[in-house]
Protein backbone atom coordinates (compact mmCIF):
# COMPACT_ATOMS: atom_id res chain seq x y z
CA MET A 1 -17.15 -55.42 -35.47
CA MET A 2 -18.08 -56.91 -31.96
CA ASP A 3 -16.23 -55.84 -28.62
CA ARG A 4 -15.80 -57.90 -25.60
CA THR A 5 -18.93 -57.45 -24.39
CA GLY A 6 -20.74 -58.44 -27.54
CA ALA A 7 -21.85 -54.91 -27.81
CA ALA A 8 -21.87 -53.64 -31.56
CA GLY A 9 -18.90 -51.45 -32.36
CA ALA A 10 -19.02 -47.93 -33.50
CA ASP A 11 -18.75 -49.00 -36.99
CA ASP A 12 -21.54 -50.99 -36.88
CA ARG A 13 -24.10 -49.12 -34.95
CA PRO A 14 -27.68 -49.19 -37.05
CA GLY A 15 -27.85 -46.51 -39.67
CA THR A 16 -24.35 -44.94 -39.13
CA GLY A 17 -23.31 -45.31 -42.90
CA THR A 18 -26.88 -44.69 -43.88
CA VAL A 19 -25.94 -41.16 -42.01
CA MET A 20 -22.89 -40.07 -42.70
CA ARG A 21 -23.69 -40.66 -46.41
CA PRO A 22 -25.80 -38.16 -46.96
CA VAL A 23 -23.54 -35.64 -44.87
CA ILE A 24 -20.96 -36.24 -47.06
CA ARG A 25 -22.76 -35.75 -50.39
CA THR A 26 -24.15 -32.32 -49.16
CA SER A 27 -20.15 -31.75 -48.04
CA VAL A 28 -19.06 -32.27 -51.70
CA ALA A 29 -22.33 -30.68 -53.25
CA HIS A 30 -21.84 -27.46 -50.97
CA ALA A 31 -18.21 -27.19 -52.25
CA ILE A 32 -18.86 -27.79 -56.08
CA LEU A 33 -21.74 -25.07 -55.39
CA LYS A 34 -19.15 -22.55 -53.49
CA VAL A 35 -16.77 -23.10 -56.24
CA GLY A 36 -19.90 -22.29 -59.11
CA ALA A 37 -20.80 -18.79 -57.05
CA SER A 38 -17.38 -17.86 -56.93
CA LEU A 39 -17.04 -18.64 -60.90
CA GLY A 40 -20.76 -16.88 -61.53
CA ILE A 41 -22.47 -20.01 -62.19
CA GLY A 42 -26.04 -20.79 -61.15
CA GLY A 43 -29.24 -20.09 -61.93
CA GLY A 44 -30.45 -17.44 -64.46
CA ASP A 45 -31.74 -14.16 -63.91
CA GLY A 46 -34.08 -13.26 -66.89
CA PRO A 47 -35.86 -14.75 -69.68
CA LYS A 48 -34.13 -16.75 -71.95
CA SER A 49 -33.50 -14.99 -75.06
CA SER A 50 -31.37 -16.33 -78.63
CA ASN A 51 -28.67 -13.20 -80.10
CA TRP A 52 -30.23 -13.86 -83.42
CA GLN A 53 -33.52 -12.38 -82.44
CA VAL A 54 -31.92 -8.91 -83.03
CA LEU A 55 -31.68 -9.59 -87.01
CA ALA A 56 -35.38 -8.86 -86.29
CA ASP A 57 -34.80 -4.87 -86.74
CA SER A 58 -34.08 -4.47 -90.02
CA ARG A 59 -31.42 -1.68 -89.91
CA PHE A 60 -29.27 -3.82 -87.62
CA ARG A 61 -29.85 -6.69 -90.42
CA LEU A 62 -28.41 -4.60 -93.08
CA TYR A 63 -25.35 -3.52 -91.01
CA PHE A 64 -25.13 -7.53 -90.01
CA ALA A 65 -25.24 -8.48 -93.85
CA GLY A 66 -22.59 -5.95 -94.86
CA SER A 67 -20.24 -6.87 -91.89
CA VAL A 68 -20.79 -10.16 -92.64
CA VAL A 69 -19.71 -9.79 -96.13
CA SER A 70 -16.87 -7.25 -94.91
CA ASN A 71 -15.16 -10.00 -92.73
CA PHE A 72 -15.64 -12.93 -95.16
CA GLY A 73 -13.51 -11.12 -97.37
CA THR A 74 -11.22 -9.98 -94.70
CA TRP A 75 -10.78 -13.54 -93.70
CA LEU A 76 -9.93 -14.77 -97.51
CA GLN A 77 -7.20 -12.26 -96.79
CA ASN A 78 -6.41 -13.17 -93.75
CA THR A 79 -5.84 -16.55 -94.35
CA ALA A 80 -3.86 -16.09 -97.71
CA GLN A 81 -1.59 -13.82 -96.28
CA VAL A 82 -0.51 -16.69 -93.61
CA LEU A 83 -0.14 -19.23 -96.12
CA ILE A 84 1.88 -16.80 -98.86
CA ALA A 85 4.35 -16.34 -95.79
CA TYR A 86 4.71 -19.80 -94.58
CA GLN A 87 5.16 -20.64 -98.29
CA LEU A 88 7.80 -17.90 -99.15
CA THR A 89 9.65 -18.59 -95.79
CA HIS A 90 8.57 -21.98 -94.02
CA SER A 91 9.01 -20.21 -90.74
CA VAL A 92 6.81 -20.05 -88.04
CA LEU A 93 8.66 -16.30 -87.05
CA THR A 94 7.72 -14.64 -90.29
CA VAL A 95 4.36 -15.39 -90.42
CA GLY A 96 4.61 -14.01 -86.53
CA LEU A 97 5.87 -10.92 -88.14
CA VAL A 98 3.55 -10.28 -90.57
CA THR A 99 0.74 -10.77 -88.36
CA CYS A 100 2.34 -8.40 -85.63
CA ALA A 101 2.92 -5.72 -88.92
CA GLN A 102 -0.75 -5.88 -89.19
CA PHE A 103 -2.08 -5.36 -85.93
CA SER A 104 0.46 -3.10 -84.26
CA SER A 105 -0.97 -0.07 -85.38
CA PRO A 106 -4.12 -0.62 -82.65
CA LEU A 107 -1.16 -1.01 -79.66
CA LEU A 108 0.84 2.14 -80.77
CA LEU A 109 -2.44 4.48 -82.15
CA GLY A 110 -5.38 2.79 -80.36
CA THR A 111 -6.14 5.76 -78.28
CA TRP A 112 -5.17 8.62 -80.61
CA ALA A 113 -7.63 6.86 -83.14
CA GLY A 114 -10.16 6.43 -80.66
CA ALA A 115 -9.63 10.60 -80.02
CA LEU A 116 -10.00 11.11 -83.85
CA THR A 117 -12.60 8.81 -84.84
CA HIS A 118 -14.86 10.29 -82.17
CA ARG A 119 -13.96 14.07 -83.68
CA MET A 120 -14.42 12.75 -87.52
CA GLY A 121 -17.95 10.95 -86.35
CA ASN A 122 -18.58 7.79 -86.27
CA TRP A 123 -20.01 7.20 -89.70
CA ARG A 124 -17.35 9.22 -91.94
CA ALA A 125 -14.65 6.97 -89.84
CA LEU A 126 -16.10 3.80 -91.19
CA MET A 127 -17.03 5.46 -94.68
CA VAL A 128 -12.98 6.62 -94.88
CA THR A 129 -11.49 3.59 -93.62
CA GLN A 130 -13.41 0.90 -95.27
CA PHE A 131 -12.38 2.87 -98.80
CA ALA A 132 -9.04 2.99 -97.93
CA SER A 133 -8.67 -1.16 -97.25
CA MET A 134 -10.40 -1.70 -100.33
CA LEU A 135 -7.44 0.19 -102.18
CA ILE A 136 -5.07 -1.48 -100.08
CA ALA A 137 -6.73 -5.18 -100.90
CA ALA A 138 -6.85 -4.24 -104.79
CA THR A 139 -3.12 -3.10 -104.31
CA LEU A 140 -2.41 -6.45 -102.99
CA ALA A 141 -3.99 -8.12 -105.47
CA ALA A 142 -2.49 -6.21 -108.57
CA LEU A 143 0.68 -7.74 -107.10
CA GLN A 144 -0.23 -11.38 -106.53
CA PHE A 145 -1.33 -11.46 -109.76
CA SER A 146 1.88 -10.17 -111.20
CA HIS A 147 4.07 -12.41 -108.83
CA SER A 148 5.32 -9.60 -107.91
CA LEU A 149 4.39 -10.33 -104.10
CA THR A 150 6.92 -10.78 -101.52
CA VAL A 151 7.37 -10.54 -98.33
CA PRO A 152 8.47 -7.15 -98.06
CA TRP A 153 5.25 -6.11 -99.73
CA LEU A 154 3.64 -8.58 -97.21
CA PHE A 155 4.89 -6.60 -94.54
CA ALA A 156 3.85 -3.02 -96.08
CA GLY A 157 0.27 -4.13 -96.96
CA ALA A 158 -0.51 -5.81 -93.23
CA ILE A 159 0.85 -2.22 -91.85
CA ALA A 160 -1.66 -0.32 -94.14
CA ILE A 161 -4.68 -2.61 -93.53
CA GLY A 162 -4.15 -2.41 -90.03
CA LEU A 163 -3.92 1.37 -89.97
CA ALA A 164 -7.24 1.54 -91.37
CA PHE A 165 -8.72 -1.10 -89.15
CA THR A 166 -7.27 1.17 -86.15
CA PHE A 167 -9.31 3.73 -87.02
CA ALA A 168 -12.43 2.02 -87.74
CA LEU A 169 -12.52 -0.29 -84.85
CA PRO A 170 -13.76 2.30 -82.04
CA ALA A 171 -16.39 3.56 -84.54
CA LEU A 172 -17.91 0.10 -85.05
CA SER A 173 -18.18 -0.64 -81.17
CA VAL A 174 -20.38 2.46 -81.00
CA THR A 175 -22.26 2.08 -84.19
CA VAL A 176 -23.08 -1.48 -83.34
CA VAL A 177 -25.01 -0.28 -79.87
CA ALA A 178 -26.41 3.04 -81.59
CA LEU A 179 -28.21 0.49 -84.29
CA ALA A 180 -29.21 -2.04 -81.77
CA PRO A 181 -32.79 -2.26 -81.36
CA GLU A 182 -34.00 -1.75 -77.82
CA GLY A 183 -33.35 -3.84 -74.86
CA GLY A 184 -30.52 -5.73 -77.47
CA THR A 185 -27.05 -4.28 -76.87
CA LYS A 186 -25.79 -7.47 -75.49
CA ARG A 187 -27.07 -9.45 -78.09
CA ALA A 188 -25.89 -7.09 -80.86
CA LEU A 189 -22.82 -6.93 -79.81
CA ALA A 190 -22.52 -11.00 -79.94
CA MET A 191 -23.59 -10.72 -83.31
CA ASP A 192 -21.10 -8.21 -84.01
CA SER A 193 -18.99 -11.09 -83.14
CA VAL A 194 -20.63 -13.47 -85.21
CA SER A 195 -20.59 -11.86 -88.04
CA TYR A 196 -16.59 -11.45 -87.34
CA ASN A 197 -16.52 -15.04 -87.15
CA LEU A 198 -19.13 -16.32 -89.81
CA GLY A 199 -16.05 -15.09 -91.97
CA ARG A 200 -13.55 -16.84 -89.69
CA ALA A 201 -15.93 -19.69 -90.35
CA LEU A 202 -16.14 -20.11 -93.47
CA ALA A 203 -13.22 -18.28 -95.42
CA PRO A 204 -10.13 -19.74 -94.52
CA VAL A 205 -11.44 -22.94 -96.33
CA LEU A 206 -12.40 -21.12 -99.37
CA SER A 207 -9.30 -18.82 -99.21
CA VAL A 208 -7.43 -22.31 -99.37
CA LEU A 209 -9.34 -23.94 -102.40
CA ILE A 210 -8.82 -20.52 -104.26
CA GLY A 211 -5.27 -20.69 -103.70
CA THR A 212 -4.37 -24.10 -104.57
CA THR A 213 -6.70 -23.83 -107.55
CA VAL A 214 -7.08 -20.24 -109.41
CA GLY A 215 -4.35 -18.48 -107.05
CA PHE A 216 -4.36 -16.10 -104.16
CA GLY A 217 -4.71 -13.07 -106.03
CA TRP A 218 -8.63 -13.72 -106.20
CA ALA A 219 -8.62 -13.41 -102.38
CA PHE A 220 -7.50 -10.26 -102.11
CA SER A 221 -9.56 -9.49 -105.30
CA LEU A 222 -12.54 -10.60 -103.08
CA ASN A 223 -11.44 -8.67 -100.29
CA ALA A 224 -11.24 -5.51 -101.99
CA ALA A 225 -14.97 -6.53 -103.28
CA SER A 226 -16.27 -7.29 -99.64
CA PHE A 227 -15.18 -3.98 -98.39
CA LEU A 228 -16.71 -2.04 -101.49
CA PHE A 229 -20.02 -3.68 -100.70
CA PHE A 230 -19.79 -2.82 -96.86
CA THR A 231 -18.96 0.96 -97.74
CA LEU A 232 -22.21 1.32 -99.79
CA VAL A 233 -24.12 -0.46 -97.44
CA LEU A 234 -23.18 1.88 -94.58
CA ARG A 235 -23.67 4.69 -97.09
CA HIS A 236 -27.57 3.45 -97.35
CA LEU A 237 -27.39 3.68 -93.36
CA ARG A 238 -26.03 7.39 -93.03
CA PRO A 239 -27.70 9.14 -90.25
CA GLN A 240 -30.01 12.53 -90.51
CA ASN A 241 -27.63 14.19 -88.68
CA THR A 242 -23.80 13.85 -89.09
CA ARG A 243 -22.25 16.86 -87.03
CA PRO A 244 -19.51 15.02 -84.29
CA GLU A 245 -20.18 15.39 -80.77
CA PRO A 246 -17.51 17.30 -78.65
CA ASN A 247 -14.44 15.62 -78.19
CA ARG A 248 -14.28 14.74 -74.74
CA SER A 249 -11.90 11.50 -75.55
CA LYS A 250 -9.40 13.92 -76.13
CA VAL A 251 -9.41 15.20 -72.96
CA VAL A 252 -10.09 11.86 -70.84
CA ASN A 253 -9.03 8.84 -72.83
CA GLY A 254 -9.70 4.98 -72.39
CA PHE A 255 -6.35 3.74 -70.43
CA ARG A 256 -6.94 7.17 -67.73
CA ILE A 257 -10.29 6.13 -67.08
CA ALA A 258 -9.24 2.29 -66.85
CA MET A 259 -6.37 3.74 -63.97
CA HIS A 260 -9.07 5.30 -61.85
CA GLU A 261 -11.79 2.61 -62.32
CA ARG A 262 -10.46 -1.01 -61.11
CA ARG A 263 -13.83 -2.82 -63.38
CA ILE A 264 -12.90 -1.36 -66.65
CA MET A 265 -8.97 -2.22 -66.09
CA ILE A 266 -10.07 -5.84 -64.91
CA LEU A 267 -12.13 -6.20 -68.59
CA LEU A 268 -9.50 -4.80 -70.72
CA LEU A 269 -7.14 -7.12 -69.04
CA MET A 270 -9.59 -10.08 -69.87
CA VAL A 271 -9.96 -8.91 -73.35
CA ALA A 272 -6.04 -9.08 -73.57
CA ALA A 273 -6.06 -12.63 -72.44
CA VAL A 274 -8.74 -13.92 -74.81
CA THR A 275 -6.75 -12.24 -78.39
CA ILE A 276 -3.25 -13.63 -76.38
CA ALA A 277 -4.78 -17.05 -75.75
CA ALA A 278 -6.37 -17.58 -79.36
CA ASP A 279 -3.77 -16.24 -81.48
CA PRO A 280 -1.30 -19.76 -81.60
CA ILE A 281 -4.30 -20.77 -83.81
CA LEU A 282 -3.52 -18.60 -86.51
CA VAL A 283 0.53 -18.03 -86.16
CA LEU A 284 1.30 -21.94 -85.25
CA GLY A 285 -1.07 -23.30 -87.13
CA PRO A 286 0.66 -24.07 -90.37
CA ALA A 287 3.69 -25.33 -88.03
CA LEU A 288 1.66 -27.41 -85.77
CA ALA A 289 -0.35 -29.25 -88.56
CA ARG A 290 2.86 -30.39 -90.19
CA SER A 291 3.96 -31.33 -86.59
CA ALA A 292 0.73 -33.65 -86.85
CA HIS A 293 1.89 -34.97 -90.21
CA ALA A 294 -0.31 -33.41 -92.50
CA SER A 295 -0.61 -30.44 -94.91
CA ALA A 296 0.24 -27.02 -93.61
CA ASP A 297 -3.11 -26.05 -95.58
CA TRP A 298 -4.72 -27.73 -92.75
CA SER A 299 -4.23 -24.32 -90.99
CA GLY A 300 -6.60 -22.78 -92.65
CA ILE A 301 -9.18 -25.91 -91.28
CA PHE A 302 -8.30 -24.47 -87.85
CA ILE A 303 -8.89 -21.13 -88.30
CA ALA A 304 -12.16 -22.38 -89.70
CA ALA A 305 -13.08 -24.44 -86.57
CA LEU A 306 -12.21 -21.26 -84.42
CA GLY A 307 -14.81 -19.42 -86.63
CA ALA A 308 -17.37 -22.19 -86.06
CA GLY A 309 -17.02 -22.08 -82.59
CA ASN A 310 -18.05 -18.39 -82.06
CA VAL A 311 -21.31 -19.16 -84.45
CA ILE A 312 -22.48 -21.80 -82.23
CA GLY A 313 -21.82 -19.31 -79.06
CA SER A 314 -23.71 -16.83 -80.61
CA LEU A 315 -26.83 -19.90 -80.55
CA HIS A 316 -26.63 -19.98 -76.96
CA ARG A 317 -29.76 -18.64 -75.50
CA THR A 318 -28.96 -17.21 -71.76
CA ARG A 319 -30.90 -15.51 -68.68
CA ARG A 320 -28.05 -14.30 -67.32
CA THR A 321 -27.06 -11.15 -66.71
CA PRO A 322 -23.33 -10.35 -67.96
CA SER A 323 -21.09 -9.88 -64.80
CA ILE A 324 -17.23 -10.12 -64.56
CA ARG A 325 -17.64 -13.68 -62.71
CA ARG A 326 -19.36 -15.41 -65.99
CA ALA A 327 -16.96 -14.12 -68.19
CA ALA A 328 -14.03 -15.62 -65.97
CA THR A 329 -15.61 -19.07 -65.84
CA VAL A 330 -15.90 -19.12 -69.81
CA LEU A 331 -12.07 -17.47 -70.11
CA CYS A 332 -11.11 -20.24 -68.58
CA LEU A 333 -12.94 -22.45 -70.46
CA LEU A 334 -10.58 -20.92 -73.38
CA SER A 335 -7.42 -21.55 -71.70
CA VAL A 336 -8.31 -25.14 -71.59
CA SER A 337 -9.49 -25.71 -75.01
CA MET A 338 -5.82 -23.78 -76.37
CA MET A 339 -4.04 -26.05 -73.92
CA VAL A 340 -5.29 -29.09 -75.60
CA PHE A 341 -4.90 -27.24 -79.34
CA ALA A 342 -1.33 -26.82 -78.80
CA ALA A 343 -0.84 -30.24 -76.95
CA ALA A 344 -2.81 -32.31 -79.45
CA HIS A 345 -1.21 -34.93 -81.96
CA TRP A 346 -4.12 -35.66 -84.18
CA ILE A 347 -5.94 -33.47 -86.27
CA TRP A 348 -9.33 -33.84 -85.26
CA LEU A 349 -8.59 -33.47 -81.78
CA GLY A 350 -6.85 -29.36 -82.50
CA THR A 351 -9.56 -28.84 -84.54
CA LEU A 352 -12.09 -29.53 -81.91
CA ALA A 353 -10.07 -27.42 -79.18
CA ALA A 354 -10.19 -24.74 -81.72
CA LEU A 355 -13.98 -24.70 -82.05
CA ALA A 356 -14.33 -24.88 -77.95
CA ALA A 357 -12.21 -22.18 -78.21
CA GLY A 358 -14.35 -20.26 -80.56
CA THR A 359 -17.18 -20.73 -78.56
CA ALA A 360 -15.51 -19.75 -75.17
CA CYS A 361 -14.13 -16.66 -77.18
CA LEU A 362 -17.55 -15.37 -78.33
CA LEU A 363 -19.15 -15.77 -75.20
CA THR A 364 -16.02 -13.98 -73.40
CA GLY A 365 -16.28 -11.20 -75.80
CA ALA A 366 -19.58 -10.02 -75.92
CA THR A 367 -19.88 -10.36 -72.43
CA THR A 368 -16.58 -8.09 -71.49
CA ARG A 369 -17.81 -5.56 -74.35
CA ALA A 370 -21.16 -5.52 -72.48
CA LEU A 371 -19.76 -4.67 -69.46
CA LEU A 372 -17.27 -2.01 -70.71
CA LEU A 373 -19.92 -0.08 -72.63
CA HIS A 374 -22.08 -0.22 -69.47
CA HIS A 375 -19.28 1.12 -67.28
CA ALA A 376 -18.31 4.04 -69.60
CA GLY A 377 -21.38 5.60 -69.42
CA PRO A 378 -23.01 7.73 -73.06
CA GLY A 379 -19.91 10.29 -72.42
CA ARG A 380 -16.96 7.82 -72.74
CA GLN A 381 -17.87 5.51 -74.78
CA ALA A 382 -15.37 6.37 -77.55
CA ALA A 383 -12.47 6.68 -75.28
CA VAL A 384 -13.20 3.29 -73.48
CA MET A 385 -13.92 1.56 -76.58
CA ALA A 386 -10.30 2.78 -77.90
CA ALA A 387 -9.03 1.31 -75.42
CA TRP A 388 -10.75 -1.99 -75.91
CA ALA A 389 -9.70 -1.69 -79.71
CA VAL A 390 -5.98 -1.57 -78.12
CA ALA A 391 -6.41 -4.83 -75.65
CA TRP A 392 -7.88 -6.72 -78.07
CA ALA A 393 -6.24 -6.14 -81.39
CA GLY A 394 -3.16 -4.45 -79.74
CA SER A 395 -2.28 -7.65 -77.60
CA LYS A 396 -2.22 -9.23 -81.02
CA PRO A 397 1.40 -8.47 -82.19
CA ILE A 398 2.57 -8.73 -78.87
CA ALA A 399 1.09 -12.29 -78.72
CA SER A 400 2.00 -12.98 -82.40
CA LEU A 401 5.63 -12.06 -81.92
CA ALA A 402 5.49 -13.99 -78.69
CA ASP A 403 4.54 -17.18 -80.74
CA GLY A 404 6.97 -16.50 -83.53
CA SER A 405 9.89 -16.20 -80.95
CA LEU A 406 9.00 -18.85 -78.40
CA ALA A 407 8.62 -21.20 -81.47
CA THR A 408 11.97 -21.01 -82.29
CA MET A 409 13.62 -21.76 -78.97
CA ILE A 410 11.06 -23.87 -76.64
CA GLY A 411 8.89 -25.24 -79.66
CA VAL A 412 5.67 -24.90 -80.89
CA ARG A 413 3.17 -26.94 -78.28
CA PRO A 414 5.29 -25.25 -75.72
CA THR A 415 4.49 -22.46 -76.82
CA GLY A 416 0.76 -22.33 -77.37
CA ILE A 417 0.30 -23.73 -73.98
CA LEU A 418 2.23 -21.13 -72.38
CA LEU A 419 -0.17 -18.31 -74.26
CA ALA A 420 -2.83 -20.10 -72.96
CA LEU A 421 -1.86 -19.72 -69.33
CA PRO A 422 -2.59 -15.90 -68.45
CA ALA A 423 -6.40 -16.41 -69.59
CA LEU A 424 -6.64 -19.18 -66.11
CA VAL A 425 -5.55 -16.17 -64.01
CA PRO A 426 -9.24 -14.61 -63.46
CA ALA A 427 -10.87 -18.11 -62.28
CA LEU A 428 -8.25 -18.76 -60.35
CA VAL A 429 -8.36 -15.12 -58.12
CA LEU A 430 -12.29 -16.15 -57.89
CA VAL A 431 -11.70 -19.31 -56.90
CA LEU A 432 -8.64 -19.16 -54.66
CA PHE A 433 -9.33 -15.50 -53.08
CA PRO A 434 -13.15 -15.68 -52.84
CA THR A 435 -13.45 -12.55 -50.63
CA ARG A 436 -11.52 -10.43 -52.74
CA GLY A 437 -12.75 -12.02 -56.16
CA LYS A 438 -16.37 -11.23 -54.52
CA ARG A 439 -15.38 -7.68 -54.30
CA ILE A 440 -13.79 -7.56 -57.46
CA ALA A 441 -16.65 -9.01 -59.35
CA ARG A 442 -19.64 -7.37 -57.54
CA GLU A 443 -21.85 -5.86 -60.31
CA PRO A 444 -24.23 -2.95 -60.35
CA VAL A 445 -27.40 -4.47 -62.42
CA ILE A 446 -26.99 -3.38 -65.87
CA ASP A 447 -29.86 -1.83 -68.03
CA LEU A 448 -29.44 -3.61 -71.13
CA ALA A 449 -32.27 -2.16 -72.45
CA ARG A 450 -31.02 1.44 -73.01
CA PRO A 451 -29.21 0.28 -76.45
CA HIS A 452 -28.73 3.90 -78.02
CA GLU A 453 -26.33 5.29 -75.00
CA GLY A 454 -24.03 5.73 -78.18
CA ARG A 455 -24.78 7.58 -81.24
CA LEU A 456 -23.89 6.70 -84.99
CA ALA A 457 -22.42 10.65 -85.39
């Protein structure tokens, strides 16, 4: 544009646009990097490594194999339990109540279970709980074969096996660390999650196939056999010295520690957010499949996709040190994935969303467990991991009860979206309040080369 004197206007001066465009690009890039820094996304700080490398250690490899078999059986039974409850009642609330019954014990007895496990010794606690779980699964199989498995029996079985799970969980967490090879603590924790989710990826589809062909009684029977196999593996891994350590967790339990240590409390809340966000896949799955004009059996595919996502997450090669920032970022991705899952009107989209959610669950779970074990220190691991058990498994009955109750009032899709919202909170705090978020998320350097902070007593 020319002014009255014929001089070039400000907008037409040579090079003005050329100069402004790089400035704008630099400002946008700076803003993106600032958000990324708030969330802990950036360059790595160590050599890349695969979680699967930890299986080079023979003792951990044997433990992993036994854990995979046991978890495979567990998810055969979990899927059968959900489908039987839905077939008997066609009620999402009943499915939620049965799931709530199974995971109520960690909520009510979690910290006490950690103290008792510490007193008994981790190995003894695992042997007792696995054998008890085998008997419970065998009883449910007998009831199903005799056509006597009713909803009250499902509740009773869920409560009983939940009790065994409650006392096993703190011991399992410490055992994984004790068996981890040098420098492989975080990878061992990630692979422990993989063992759980390999079962969740493969077993649900097989459970549906078993139920529609030979009957769900065989799903319970195979679970009993899987517990027997894991018991034999643990017997082979029995340590030479089985004396229990002094029961420090009786004096200072995990939640007392968390009340005085902010980072541990934040990590426990993040663990609970993972469980709450992912719960609709199990509880609302049959109803969401029906709302998409498909069979309720498709819920088994959703569960399998969640487990497969965990396995995919384990293949991720990382060189980044665990931090609250990065855990918050992946937790945000979990929230978004679960919102898509709940809102999807197509089976294929819901399955893909469940797959993405599974990957986010694995990455968040491995990071938070590594950080909790680090902050706990050698003398407090059993107590803190008992609190972790309550946060992870104990939040499950609350989520399941909320799923079942809210779905009857506001519908299954709004319920799924609502339960995904808490997982957004950590990332929002880091982005909207960067100064406070930076202070909360500031972490000391974690030495992951100290795998034997816990002992397989």
